[in-house]
């Protein structure tokens, strides 16, 4: 673990506020879990051209390498949150992390594109379990709201450091062998598992119920069909038969999911949680933030290498100023929330991201690269400021036994945003002759989505429940 992460964990642990035994180990494990799944998302984006050359994949294949992971991440987050509440955060986190590490090894050894995408699906399943269970682990370990806010900021720092390291690692390692980008997950994952052994058992929800198969299957089908339709629309057009059928299937599955949550005996989410204003608004904002950030990373990773002819290491270095700043901005979110209220960093972060996306869209193709690098900074800094404050605010509004489910809903919306951004924006740049136009259009779409979510942020309730 880096010096910055070790110091942050130690500072969060050294407090007189109530906390469970093994708080430092629990926070360290949660932080490393979030670190590896964030690292994996960005390290893969920068390495896409190397994967394309190594496996002979087209733009559609590259989209599935990214979205195969994101799709399962999003589709299983809801069930993972409910599973966390039922089985306890510690046990669920351990299972998810072990699955993620094993799948990472399988990705690195994949002989072809099909096996790689399949292993990415399993990786996404592991990541889906890690996120809500890590948040629930923090919620149960730090019962005091103020201490918990600082712990969430430290947890978010793991993602920020993963974001900072991802582009550089992807660029450098892919020059040697793109398979190395998956093997780097193994050491951090194993350390997290060792830390988890030093923590106490987590409490389980009193709601012991059967698994919601109808809700889970319909959620997977809805998200999978929607993602498939968006990706294939870029290759075959919106009027293609398989695209129309996929869109229709996504709508039908979504209806089944809603009905199952309203009338099912044991819904994995339940409409009561989805009716809460803070939950709904948080989900909308999370969706928009990932559209903006991961949409931008996907577009620029390909544009810098294919349109500007930059090498993979140079492309990775171009993201460093943005990602390094996010590592410094993330820990300040808790301070800003305590000083000005939780809505301030959420709104300010979205405004900064919108501004950066618009600036990126306006930078002409002939402009020097440093202008693009400068315009990336507010995008990354804005997301880094908004996400931990948004997460902490949501956790303050739900009871401890529902923290896993609430975290699952929030992060599902975020991953759906990232998956759809890659699917839609990939279609815009599928034709290399229109790469510049597709880049500009995608960035402006992302800016519009984030701007709309910013207006919804004023509906967030600052009231805190401990």
Protein backbone atom coordinates (compact mmCIF):
# COMPACT_ATOMS: atom_id res chain seq x y z
CA UNK A 1 0.00 0.00 0.00
CA UNK A 2 1.37 3.47 -0.85
CA UNK A 3 2.47 5.93 1.84
CA UNK A 4 -0.51 8.19 1.09
CA UNK A 5 -2.99 5.34 1.52
CA UNK A 6 -1.30 4.06 4.69
CA UNK A 7 -1.32 7.53 6.24
CA UNK A 8 -4.97 8.10 5.32
CA UNK A 9 -6.04 4.81 6.89
CA UNK A 10 -4.07 5.55 10.05
CA UNK A 11 -5.60 9.02 10.41
CA UNK A 12 -9.12 7.62 9.96
CA UNK A 13 -8.47 4.95 12.58
CA UNK A 14 -6.98 7.32 15.20
CA UNK A 15 -10.19 8.85 16.51
CA UNK A 16 -12.10 8.78 19.78
CA UNK A 17 -15.40 8.24 17.96
CA UNK A 18 -17.06 4.81 18.35
CA UNK A 19 -15.77 2.12 16.00
CA UNK A 20 -15.59 -1.65 15.93
CA UNK A 21 -12.35 -3.58 16.61
CA UNK A 22 -10.13 -4.01 13.55
CA UNK A 23 -11.33 -0.74 12.04
CA UNK A 24 -7.99 -0.01 10.38
CA UNK A 25 -7.79 -3.43 8.78
CA UNK A 26 -11.40 -3.23 7.60
CA UNK A 27 -10.85 0.20 6.07
CA UNK A 28 -7.60 -0.92 4.46
CA UNK A 29 -9.27 -3.95 2.90
CA UNK A 30 -12.21 -1.88 1.62
CA UNK A 31 -9.83 0.71 0.20
CA UNK A 32 -7.70 -1.88 -1.63
CA UNK A 33 -10.82 -3.56 -3.03
CA UNK A 34 -12.02 -0.28 -4.50
CA UNK A 35 -8.47 0.43 -5.69
CA UNK A 36 -8.16 -2.73 -7.81
CA UNK A 37 -11.56 -2.42 -9.50
CA UNK A 38 -10.91 1.25 -10.37
CA UNK A 39 -7.39 0.48 -11.57
CA UNK A 40 -8.77 -2.28 -13.75
CA UNK A 41 -11.30 0.00 -15.45
CA UNK A 42 -8.73 2.59 -16.51
CA UNK A 43 -5.79 0.33 -17.19
CA UNK A 44 -7.88 -1.53 -19.76
CA UNK A 45 -9.03 1.61 -21.60
CA UNK A 46 -5.50 2.77 -22.36
CA UNK A 47 -4.47 -0.74 -23.43
CA UNK A 48 -7.34 -1.20 -25.90
CA UNK A 49 -5.28 -0.58 -29.06
CA UNK A 50 -2.71 -3.15 -27.86
CA UNK A 51 -5.49 -5.68 -27.19
CA UNK A 52 -6.89 -4.91 -30.64
CA UNK A 53 -3.55 -5.67 -32.28
CA UNK A 54 -2.89 -8.73 -30.15
CA UNK A 55 -6.25 -10.42 -30.64
CA UNK A 56 -7.34 -8.90 -33.94
CA UNK A 57 -10.46 -7.29 -32.45
CA UNK A 58 -12.56 -4.58 -34.09
CA UNK A 59 -14.22 -1.63 -32.36
CA UNK A 60 -17.21 -3.82 -31.41
CA UNK A 61 -14.91 -6.36 -29.78
CA UNK A 62 -13.14 -3.61 -27.86
CA UNK A 63 -16.48 -2.27 -26.64
CA UNK A 64 -17.32 -5.70 -25.27
CA UNK A 65 -13.95 -5.96 -23.51
CA UNK A 66 -14.92 -2.80 -21.62
CA UNK A 67 -18.67 -3.30 -21.36
CA UNK A 68 -18.56 -7.03 -20.59
CA UNK A 69 -16.99 -6.07 -17.28
CA UNK A 70 -19.18 -3.04 -16.72
CA UNK A 71 -22.36 -4.88 -17.67
CA UNK A 72 -21.98 -7.61 -15.07
CA UNK A 73 -20.77 -5.03 -12.60
CA UNK A 74 -23.99 -3.09 -13.03
CA UNK A 75 -26.36 -6.03 -13.39
CA UNK A 76 -25.25 -7.83 -10.23
CA UNK A 77 -24.75 -4.85 -7.94
CA UNK A 78 -28.37 -4.87 -6.79
CA UNK A 79 -28.27 -8.54 -5.82
CA UNK A 80 -24.81 -8.06 -4.31
CA UNK A 81 -26.12 -5.27 -2.09
CA UNK A 82 -28.99 -7.42 -0.91
CA UNK A 83 -26.65 -10.38 -0.44
CA UNK A 84 -24.36 -8.21 1.67
CA UNK A 85 -27.25 -7.29 3.96
CA UNK A 86 -28.20 -10.95 4.36
CA UNK A 87 -24.77 -12.60 4.76
CA UNK A 88 -22.77 -9.79 6.30
CA UNK A 89 -20.28 -7.38 4.76
CA UNK A 90 -17.09 -9.24 5.75
CA UNK A 91 -18.01 -12.61 4.25
CA UNK A 92 -19.51 -11.12 1.08
CA UNK A 93 -16.51 -8.85 0.51
CA UNK A 94 -14.13 -11.78 0.81
CA UNK A 95 -16.04 -13.84 -1.76
CA UNK A 96 -16.20 -10.97 -4.23
CA UNK A 97 -12.52 -10.14 -3.90
CA UNK A 98 -11.44 -13.76 -4.35
CA UNK A 99 -13.62 -14.04 -7.48
CA UNK A 100 -12.16 -10.82 -8.89
CA UNK A 101 -8.56 -11.94 -8.34
CA UNK A 102 -9.19 -15.34 -9.95
CA UNK A 103 -10.90 -13.73 -12.96
CA UNK A 104 -8.02 -11.26 -13.35
CA UNK A 105 -5.63 -14.19 -13.68
CA UNK A 106 -7.94 -15.76 -16.28
CA UNK A 107 -8.00 -12.50 -18.28
CA UNK A 108 -4.22 -12.43 -18.35
CA UNK A 109 -4.08 -15.98 -19.69
CA UNK A 110 -6.94 -15.63 -22.22
CA UNK A 111 -6.00 -17.23 -25.60
CA UNK A 112 -8.59 -15.27 -27.60
CA UNK A 113 -11.17 -12.50 -27.57
CA UNK A 114 -14.07 -14.76 -26.56
CA UNK A 115 -12.28 -16.08 -23.48
CA UNK A 116 -11.14 -12.57 -22.55
CA UNK A 117 -14.70 -11.20 -22.70
CA UNK A 118 -15.98 -14.18 -20.69
CA UNK A 119 -13.32 -13.62 -18.01
CA UNK A 120 -14.19 -9.92 -17.99
CA UNK A 121 -17.79 -10.88 -17.26
CA UNK A 122 -16.62 -12.84 -14.22
CA UNK A 123 -14.39 -9.94 -13.19
CA UNK A 124 -17.41 -7.68 -13.31
CA UNK A 125 -19.35 -10.09 -11.11
CA UNK A 126 -16.59 -9.97 -8.50
CA UNK A 127 -16.41 -6.18 -8.67
CA UNK A 128 -20.17 -6.00 -8.23
CA UNK A 129 -19.86 -7.81 -4.92
CA UNK A 130 -16.86 -5.77 -3.76
CA UNK A 131 -18.37 -2.29 -3.98
CA UNK A 132 -21.55 -2.57 -1.87
CA UNK A 133 -19.93 -4.93 0.61
CA UNK A 134 -16.98 -2.57 1.09
CA UNK A 135 -19.36 0.32 1.77
CA UNK A 136 -21.38 -1.82 4.16
CA UNK A 137 -18.14 -2.85 5.88
CA UNK A 138 -17.39 0.83 6.47
CA UNK A 139 -20.98 1.53 7.59
CA UNK A 140 -20.90 -1.20 10.23
CA UNK A 141 -17.32 -0.55 11.35
CA UNK A 142 -17.76 3.22 11.78
CA UNK A 143 -21.21 3.88 13.33
CA UNK A 144 -20.46 7.57 14.01
CA UNK A 145 -21.54 9.76 11.06
CA UNK A 146 -18.55 12.12 11.22
CA UNK A 147 -15.98 9.34 11.43
CA UNK A 148 -17.81 7.42 8.74
CA UNK A 149 -17.62 10.41 6.38
CA UNK A 150 -13.84 10.50 6.82
CA UNK A 151 -13.66 6.75 6.29
CA UNK A 152 -15.68 7.02 3.07
CA UNK A 153 -13.26 9.70 1.86
CA UNK A 154 -10.35 7.34 2.54
CA UNK A 155 -12.22 4.57 0.70
CA UNK A 156 -12.74 6.94 -2.24
CA UNK A 157 -9.02 7.75 -2.14
CA UNK A 158 -8.37 4.14 -3.11
CA UNK A 159 -10.35 4.75 -6.28
CA UNK A 160 -8.51 8.02 -6.89
CA UNK A 161 -5.10 6.36 -6.59
CA UNK A 162 -6.33 3.57 -8.87
CA UNK A 163 -7.41 6.21 -11.37
CA UNK A 164 -4.01 7.90 -11.17
CA UNK A 165 -2.06 4.68 -11.59
CA UNK A 166 -4.33 3.07 -14.20
CA UNK A 167 -3.50 5.08 -17.34
CA UNK A 168 0.27 5.02 -16.74
CA UNK A 169 0.28 1.33 -15.83
CA UNK A 170 -1.85 0.52 -18.86
CA UNK A 171 0.41 2.45 -21.20
CA UNK A 172 3.68 1.06 -19.87
CA UNK A 173 2.59 -2.55 -19.34
CA UNK A 174 0.85 -2.82 -22.71
CA UNK A 175 4.14 -1.94 -24.40
CA UNK A 176 5.58 -5.11 -22.88
CA UNK A 177 2.49 -7.34 -23.04
CA UNK A 178 -1.14 -6.29 -22.60
CA UNK A 179 -1.73 -9.38 -20.45
CA UNK A 180 0.29 -7.80 -17.65
CA UNK A 181 -2.44 -5.22 -17.05
CA UNK A 182 -4.60 -7.94 -15.52
CA UNK A 183 -1.89 -9.61 -13.46
CA UNK A 184 -1.24 -6.38 -11.51
CA UNK A 185 -4.53 -6.92 -9.68
CA UNK A 186 -3.26 -10.03 -7.95
CA UNK A 187 -0.86 -8.57 -5.31
CA UNK A 188 -3.27 -5.87 -4.10
CA UNK A 189 -6.15 -8.33 -3.99
CA UNK A 190 -4.19 -10.82 -1.93
CA UNK A 191 -3.12 -8.11 0.57
CA UNK A 192 -6.76 -7.05 0.94
CA UNK A 193 -7.77 -10.64 1.71
CA UNK A 194 -5.07 -10.86 4.38
CA UNK A 195 -6.31 -7.63 5.98
CA UNK A 196 -9.86 -8.97 5.94
CA UNK A 197 -8.76 -11.89 8.10
CA UNK A 198 -7.94 -9.40 10.87
CA UNK A 199 -11.48 -7.98 11.03
CA UNK A 200 -14.46 -9.12 13.08
CA UNK A 201 -17.60 -10.67 11.64
CA UNK A 202 -20.14 -8.19 10.33
CA UNK A 203 -23.78 -8.14 11.47
CA UNK A 204 -26.44 -9.56 9.19
CA UNK A 205 -29.78 -8.06 8.29
CA UNK A 206 -32.79 -9.32 10.22
CA UNK A 207 -34.59 -9.62 6.89
CA UNK A 208 -33.84 -13.25 6.05
CA UNK A 209 -35.64 -14.01 2.82
CA UNK A 210 -35.42 -16.07 -0.35
CA UNK A 211 -33.30 -14.88 -3.25
CA UNK A 212 -35.19 -12.69 -5.72
CA UNK A 213 -34.55 -14.67 -8.88
CA UNK A 214 -37.17 -12.81 -10.91
CA UNK A 215 -35.74 -9.43 -10.02
CA UNK A 216 -32.13 -10.47 -10.62
CA UNK A 217 -32.71 -12.23 -13.93
CA UNK A 218 -34.89 -9.42 -15.29
CA UNK A 219 -32.25 -6.85 -14.25
CA UNK A 220 -29.48 -8.78 -16.03
CA UNK A 221 -31.60 -9.20 -19.17
CA UNK A 222 -32.67 -5.54 -19.23
CA UNK A 223 -29.14 -4.19 -18.86
CA UNK A 224 -27.59 -6.77 -21.15
CA UNK A 225 -30.13 -6.24 -23.91
CA UNK A 226 -29.85 -2.46 -23.68
CA UNK A 227 -26.04 -2.57 -23.84
CA UNK A 228 -26.10 -5.06 -26.73
CA UNK A 229 -28.56 -2.90 -28.65
CA UNK A 230 -26.47 0.24 -28.14
CA UNK A 231 -23.24 -1.45 -29.25
CA UNK A 232 -24.75 -3.23 -32.26
CA UNK A 233 -26.57 -0.05 -33.33
CA UNK A 234 -23.18 1.50 -33.95
CA UNK A 235 -22.17 -1.35 -36.24
CA UNK A 236 -25.46 -2.16 -37.99
CA UNK A 237 -27.68 0.89 -37.46
CA UNK A 238 -30.76 1.54 -35.35
CA UNK A 239 -33.07 -0.16 -37.83
CA UNK A 240 -31.26 -3.51 -37.76
CA UNK A 241 -33.51 -6.36 -36.69
CA UNK A 242 -31.34 -7.51 -33.79
CA UNK A 243 -31.10 -3.94 -32.49
CA UNK A 244 -34.88 -3.44 -32.48
CA UNK A 245 -35.45 -6.83 -30.84
CA UNK A 246 -32.83 -6.07 -28.18
CA UNK A 247 -34.35 -2.71 -27.34
CA UNK A 248 -37.79 -4.31 -27.06
CA UNK A 249 -36.40 -7.05 -24.84
CA UNK A 250 -34.74 -4.44 -22.60
CA UNK A 251 -38.04 -2.60 -22.14
CA UNK A 252 -39.96 -5.80 -21.41
CA UNK A 253 -37.37 -6.97 -18.89
CA UNK A 254 -37.39 -3.56 -17.19
CA UNK A 255 -41.17 -3.78 -16.78
CA UNK A 256 -40.83 -7.26 -15.27
CA UNK A 257 -38.22 -5.95 -12.84
CA UNK A 258 -40.40 -3.07 -11.67
CA UNK A 259 -43.42 -5.34 -11.19
CA UNK A 260 -41.32 -7.89 -9.29
CA UNK A 261 -40.05 -5.23 -6.91
CA UNK A 262 -43.56 -3.90 -6.34
CA UNK A 263 -45.39 -7.21 -5.91
CA UNK A 264 -42.72 -9.79 -5.14
CA UNK A 265 -42.67 -11.43 -1.69
CA UNK A 266 -38.92 -10.89 -1.24
CA UNK A 267 -37.74 -8.12 -3.59
CA UNK A 268 -33.98 -7.56 -3.61
CA UNK A 269 -34.50 -3.78 -3.61
CA UNK A 270 -38.14 -3.01 -3.04
CA UNK A 271 -39.95 0.08 -4.20
CA UNK A 272 -39.82 1.64 -0.73
CA UNK A 273 -36.11 2.36 -1.13
CA UNK A 274 -36.57 3.51 -4.72
CA UNK A 275 -39.24 5.98 -3.61
CA UNK A 276 -36.84 7.80 -1.28
CA UNK A 277 -35.83 11.13 -2.80
CA UNK A 278 -32.20 10.92 -1.71
CA UNK A 279 -31.86 7.44 -3.24
CA UNK A 280 -33.37 8.45 -6.58
CA UNK A 281 -31.42 11.70 -6.91
CA UNK A 282 -28.18 10.00 -5.87
CA UNK A 283 -28.72 7.32 -8.53
CA UNK A 284 -29.30 9.96 -11.23
CA UNK A 285 -26.16 11.86 -10.25
CA UNK A 286 -24.08 8.68 -10.07
CA UNK A 287 -25.26 7.73 -13.57
CA UNK A 288 -24.30 11.12 -14.97
CA UNK A 289 -20.88 11.24 -13.31
CA UNK A 290 -19.86 7.94 -14.89
CA UNK A 291 -21.20 8.95 -18.29
CA UNK A 292 -18.96 11.99 -18.11
CA UNK A 293 -15.82 10.44 -16.69
CA UNK A 294 -15.66 6.98 -18.29
CA UNK A 295 -17.11 8.25 -21.55
CA UNK A 296 -14.30 10.80 -21.74
CA UNK A 297 -11.59 8.25 -20.85
CA UNK A 298 -12.83 5.80 -23.50
CA UNK A 299 -13.02 8.46 -26.21
CA UNK A 300 -9.67 10.10 -25.50
CA UNK A 301 -7.80 6.80 -25.02
CA UNK A 302 -8.63 5.84 -28.60
CA UNK A 303 -8.46 9.34 -30.07
CA UNK A 304 -5.00 10.15 -28.72
CA UNK A 305 -3.56 6.93 -30.13
CA UNK A 306 -5.51 6.54 -33.37
CA UNK A 307 -5.99 10.18 -34.43
CA UNK A 308 -2.91 11.87 -32.93
CA UNK A 309 -0.58 8.88 -33.25
CA UNK A 310 0.56 8.90 -29.62
CA UNK A 311 2.08 5.78 -28.10
CA UNK A 312 0.36 3.89 -25.27
CA UNK A 313 2.81 5.16 -22.59
CA UNK A 314 2.43 8.74 -23.84
CA UNK A 315 -1.35 8.39 -23.76
CA UNK A 316 -1.16 7.09 -20.20
CA UNK A 317 1.02 10.04 -19.18
CA UNK A 318 -1.50 12.44 -20.71
CA UNK A 319 -4.04 11.34 -18.11
CA UNK A 320 -1.64 11.72 -15.17
CA UNK A 321 -2.27 15.42 -14.32
CA UNK A 322 -6.01 14.73 -14.10
CA UNK A 323 -5.74 11.51 -12.15
CA UNK A 324 -3.09 12.79 -9.75
CA UNK A 325 -5.25 15.77 -8.85
CA UNK A 326 -8.19 13.47 -8.11
CA UNK A 327 -6.09 11.73 -5.46
CA UNK A 328 -5.69 15.06 -3.66
CA UNK A 329 -9.25 16.29 -4.18
CA UNK A 330 -11.05 13.18 -2.94
CA UNK A 331 -10.00 13.44 0.75
CA UNK A 332 -11.19 17.06 0.90
CA UNK A 333 -14.78 16.10 0.05
CA UNK A 334 -15.60 15.24 3.67
CA UNK A 335 -14.19 18.58 4.87
CA UNK A 336 -16.21 20.52 2.29
CA UNK A 337 -19.33 18.57 3.20
CA UNK A 338 -18.86 19.32 6.92
CA UNK A 339 -18.07 22.99 6.25
CA UNK A 340 -20.68 23.88 3.63
CA UNK A 341 -23.17 20.98 3.67
CA UNK A 342 -23.16 17.74 1.65
CA UNK A 343 -24.78 19.23 -1.43
CA UNK A 344 -22.00 21.76 -2.04
CA UNK A 345 -19.25 19.33 -3.11
CA UNK A 346 -21.76 17.30 -5.13
CA UNK A 347 -22.96 20.34 -7.08
CA UNK A 348 -19.52 21.93 -7.40
CA UNK A 349 -18.05 18.68 -8.67
CA UNK A 350 -20.68 18.33 -11.38
CA UNK A 351 -20.25 21.93 -12.51
CA UNK A 352 -16.49 21.37 -12.80
CA UNK A 353 -17.01 18.17 -14.79
CA UNK A 354 -19.48 19.83 -17.16
CA UNK A 355 -17.04 22.68 -17.76
CA UNK A 356 -14.18 20.31 -18.52
CA UNK A 357 -16.23 18.21 -20.95
CA UNK A 358 -17.34 21.30 -22.88
CA UNK A 359 -13.77 22.58 -23.05
CA UNK A 360 -12.57 19.20 -24.37
CA UNK A 361 -15.24 19.29 -27.07
CA UNK A 362 -14.18 22.78 -28.13
CA UNK A 363 -10.45 22.00 -28.41
CA UNK A 364 -9.66 21.85 -32.16
CA UNK A 365 -7.95 18.78 -33.61
CA UNK A 366 -4.88 20.88 -34.47
CA UNK A 367 -4.44 22.19 -30.92
CA UNK A 368 -1.46 21.04 -28.86
CA UNK A 369 -2.01 18.06 -26.59
CA UNK A 370 -1.40 20.11 -23.45
CA UNK A 371 -4.71 21.89 -24.03
CA UNK A 372 -6.53 18.55 -23.89
CA UNK A 373 -4.59 17.60 -20.78
CA UNK A 374 -5.56 20.87 -19.08
CA UNK A 375 -9.24 20.41 -19.99
CA UNK A 376 -9.26 16.88 -18.51
CA UNK A 377 -8.37 18.19 -15.05
CA UNK A 378 -11.78 19.63 -14.07
CA UNK A 379 -13.48 16.43 -15.29
CA UNK A 380 -11.46 14.23 -12.97
CA UNK A 381 -11.39 16.70 -10.08
CA UNK A 382 -15.14 17.24 -10.31
CA UNK A 383 -15.92 13.56 -10.10
CA UNK A 384 -13.45 13.05 -7.28
CA UNK A 385 -15.11 15.82 -5.28
CA UNK A 386 -18.68 14.72 -5.93
CA UNK A 387 -18.55 10.92 -5.53
CA UNK A 388 -17.39 10.58 -1.88
CA UNK A 389 -19.73 13.36 -0.72
CA UNK A 390 -22.64 11.76 -2.59
CA UNK A 391 -21.85 8.32 -1.19
CA UNK A 392 -21.51 9.60 2.37
CA UNK A 393 -24.76 11.56 2.12
CA UNK A 394 -26.64 8.48 0.90
CA UNK A 395 -25.24 6.25 3.66
CA UNK A 396 -26.30 8.83 6.25
CA UNK A 397 -29.90 8.51 5.03
CA UNK A 398 -30.25 4.74 5.23
CA UNK A 399 -30.24 2.36 8.17
CA UNK A 400 -27.13 0.22 8.64
CA UNK A 401 -28.91 -2.99 7.63
CA UNK A 402 -29.93 -1.41 4.30
CA UNK A 403 -26.53 0.11 3.52
CA UNK A 404 -25.53 -2.73 1.20
CA UNK A 405 -28.71 -2.46 -0.88
CA UNK A 406 -28.51 1.34 -1.08
CA UNK A 407 -24.86 1.15 -2.09
CA UNK A 408 -25.78 -1.42 -4.72
CA UNK A 409 -28.46 0.83 -6.23
CA UNK A 410 -26.11 3.83 -6.33
CA UNK A 411 -23.25 1.95 -7.91
CA UNK A 412 -25.53 0.11 -10.33
CA UNK A 413 -26.64 3.46 -11.71
CA UNK A 414 -23.01 4.53 -11.97
CA UNK A 415 -21.95 1.41 -13.86
CA UNK A 416 -24.95 1.58 -16.19
CA UNK A 417 -23.88 5.13 -17.01
CA UNK A 418 -20.36 3.99 -17.82
CA UNK A 419 -21.54 1.02 -19.89
CA UNK A 420 -23.97 3.07 -21.98
CA UNK A 421 -21.37 5.80 -22.49
CA UNK A 422 -18.93 3.29 -23.97
CA UNK A 423 -21.66 1.68 -26.08
CA UNK A 424 -23.04 4.93 -27.48
CA UNK A 425 -19.77 6.81 -27.83
CA UNK A 426 -18.10 3.78 -29.39
CA UNK A 427 -20.76 3.87 -32.10
CA UNK A 428 -19.96 7.54 -32.73
CA UNK A 429 -16.27 6.82 -33.40
CA UNK A 430 -16.65 3.44 -35.13
CA UNK A 431 -15.75 5.08 -38.45
CA UNK A 432 -12.20 6.42 -38.12
CA UNK A 433 -12.88 8.95 -40.88
CA UNK A 434 -15.37 10.65 -38.54
CA UNK A 435 -13.37 10.24 -35.35
CA UNK A 436 -13.07 13.98 -34.65
CA UNK A 437 -16.80 14.59 -35.13
CA UNK A 438 -17.72 11.57 -33.03
CA UNK A 439 -15.37 12.72 -30.27
CA UNK A 440 -16.91 16.19 -30.15
CA UNK A 441 -20.48 14.85 -30.23
CA UNK A 442 -19.81 12.32 -27.48
CA UNK A 443 -18.22 14.89 -25.18
CA UNK A 444 -21.10 17.33 -25.65
CA UNK A 445 -23.63 14.59 -24.93
CA UNK A 446 -21.77 13.73 -21.74
CA UNK A 447 -21.67 17.39 -20.69
CA UNK A 448 -25.43 17.71 -21.23
CA UNK A 449 -26.15 14.62 -19.11
CA UNK A 450 -24.01 15.91 -16.22
CA UNK A 451 -25.58 19.36 -16.46
CA UNK A 452 -29.08 17.91 -16.20
CA UNK A 453 -28.06 15.89 -13.15
CA UNK A 454 -26.64 19.04 -11.55
CA UNK A 455 -30.09 20.59 -11.48
CA UNK A 456 -31.45 17.52 -9.71
CA UNK A 457 -28.79 17.89 -7.01
CA UNK A 458 -30.73 20.72 -5.41
CA UNK A 459 -33.33 18.16 -4.38
CA UNK A 460 -30.86 16.34 -2.12
CA UNK A 461 -31.78 16.44 1.55
CA UNK A 462 -28.97 17.41 3.93
CA UNK A 463 -30.59 15.85 7.00
CA UNK A 464 -28.36 13.19 8.53
CA UNK A 465 -29.46 10.00 10.21
CA UNK A 466 -26.91 8.22 12.38
